Protein backbone atom coordinates (compact mmCIF):
# COMPACT_ATOMS: atom_id res chain seq x y z
CA UNK A 1 -187.26 69.68 -2.70
CA UNK A 2 -186.47 73.67 -1.35
CA UNK A 3 -183.15 72.20 0.51
CA UNK A 4 -180.59 72.76 -2.14
CA UNK A 5 -177.14 74.53 -1.35
CA UNK A 6 -174.69 76.36 -3.76
CA UNK A 7 -171.51 78.44 -3.21
CA UNK A 8 -171.59 79.61 -6.53
CA UNK A 9 -172.42 83.24 -6.47
CA UNK A 10 -172.17 84.51 -9.88
CA UNK A 11 -174.86 84.37 -12.50
CA UNK A 12 -174.59 85.47 -16.65
CA UNK A 13 -177.85 86.75 -17.46
CA UNK A 14 -176.82 86.35 -21.22
CA UNK A 15 -176.23 82.33 -20.58
CA UNK A 16 -179.94 82.69 -18.13
CA UNK A 17 -182.01 83.92 -20.78
CA UNK A 18 -180.47 81.40 -23.12
CA UNK A 19 -181.51 78.30 -21.14
CA UNK A 20 -185.13 80.70 -21.24
CA UNK A 21 -185.50 79.91 -24.83
CA UNK A 22 -184.29 76.96 -25.12
CA UNK A 23 -186.18 76.07 -21.36
CA UNK A 24 -183.49 73.80 -20.32
CA UNK A 25 -184.38 73.89 -16.54
CA UNK A 26 -181.82 70.46 -16.23
CA UNK A 27 -180.41 70.36 -12.57
CA UNK A 28 -177.68 68.12 -11.18
CA UNK A 29 -177.44 67.78 -7.28
CA UNK A 30 -175.87 65.32 -5.40
CA UNK A 31 -175.66 64.34 -1.91
CA UNK A 32 -173.12 65.43 1.00
CA UNK A 33 -172.20 64.07 4.12
CA UNK A 34 -172.83 67.57 6.84
CA UNK A 35 -171.63 66.03 10.67
CA UNK A 36 -174.91 63.33 10.68
CA UNK A 37 -176.70 65.56 7.97
CA UNK A 38 -177.35 65.09 4.44
CA UNK A 39 -176.78 67.98 2.90
CA UNK A 40 -177.95 68.60 -1.40
CA UNK A 41 -175.37 70.57 -3.50
CA UNK A 42 -176.64 72.93 -7.16
CA UNK A 43 -172.74 70.85 -8.71
CA UNK A 44 -173.93 72.11 -12.12
CA UNK A 45 -177.00 74.00 -13.64
CA UNK A 46 -177.40 76.99 -11.39
CA UNK A 47 -178.16 78.84 -14.70
CA UNK A 48 -180.85 76.32 -15.67
CA UNK A 49 -182.40 77.34 -11.97
CA UNK A 50 -182.98 81.08 -12.74
CA UNK A 51 -184.26 79.94 -15.63
CA UNK A 52 -187.01 78.15 -14.15
CA UNK A 53 -187.77 80.72 -11.11
CA UNK A 54 -188.27 83.32 -13.09
CA UNK A 55 -190.35 81.04 -15.80
CA UNK A 56 -192.25 80.21 -12.46
CA UNK A 57 -191.49 76.36 -13.87
CA UNK A 58 -190.09 74.13 -11.46
CA UNK A 59 -186.38 72.81 -12.24
CA UNK A 60 -185.86 69.66 -13.45
CA UNK A 61 -183.65 67.59 -11.37
CA UNK A 62 -180.77 64.96 -11.80
CA UNK A 63 -179.14 63.39 -8.89
CA UNK A 64 -175.33 62.18 -9.30
CA UNK A 65 -173.34 60.98 -6.99
CA UNK A 66 -170.74 63.48 -5.66
CA UNK A 67 -167.25 64.15 -6.74
CA UNK A 68 -166.07 65.77 -3.21
CA UNK A 69 -165.28 64.06 -0.20
CA UNK A 70 -167.05 66.60 2.17
CA UNK A 71 -168.91 69.86 2.24
CA UNK A 72 -165.43 71.45 2.86
CA UNK A 73 -163.76 69.67 -0.59
CA UNK A 74 -167.32 71.69 -2.14
CA UNK A 75 -166.76 75.02 -0.71
CA UNK A 76 -162.72 75.31 -1.24
CA UNK A 77 -163.57 74.08 -4.75
CA UNK A 78 -166.25 76.63 -5.87
CA UNK A 79 -163.36 79.44 -3.88
CA UNK A 80 -166.74 81.73 -4.08
CA UNK A 81 -168.68 81.90 -0.73
CA UNK A 82 -167.08 80.65 2.24
CA UNK A 83 -171.27 79.01 3.61
CA UNK A 84 -173.72 77.56 1.55
CA UNK A 85 -177.02 79.23 0.83
CA UNK A 86 -179.89 77.70 0.24
CA UNK A 87 -181.07 78.53 -2.94
CA UNK A 88 -184.57 78.89 -2.93
CA UNK A 89 -184.64 81.44 -0.28
CA UNK A 90 -180.70 82.49 0.43
CA UNK A 91 -180.47 81.06 4.34
CA UNK A 92 -177.14 80.43 5.00
CA UNK A 93 -176.10 76.28 5.74
CA UNK A 94 -174.05 77.65 8.99
């Protein structure tokens, strides 16, 4: 699954190091409808994802129900990036 998007930009390196030490690679994704497509968004585990990438392992993905009604609600809630980016390659969704 290489199509997961996020609007959270900031990462704390000390938290990433802690995740690496504990081998905590768990992330939570939810699906939100965007027009006619379902988009996977990273709702929790941004630091764990970075730790997994650095350590060369796949993150452990848990699918959860979204608390957001739309992709726009998700973007507004985090108030960081206006356009979700793919966490694997940095490409913008819109």
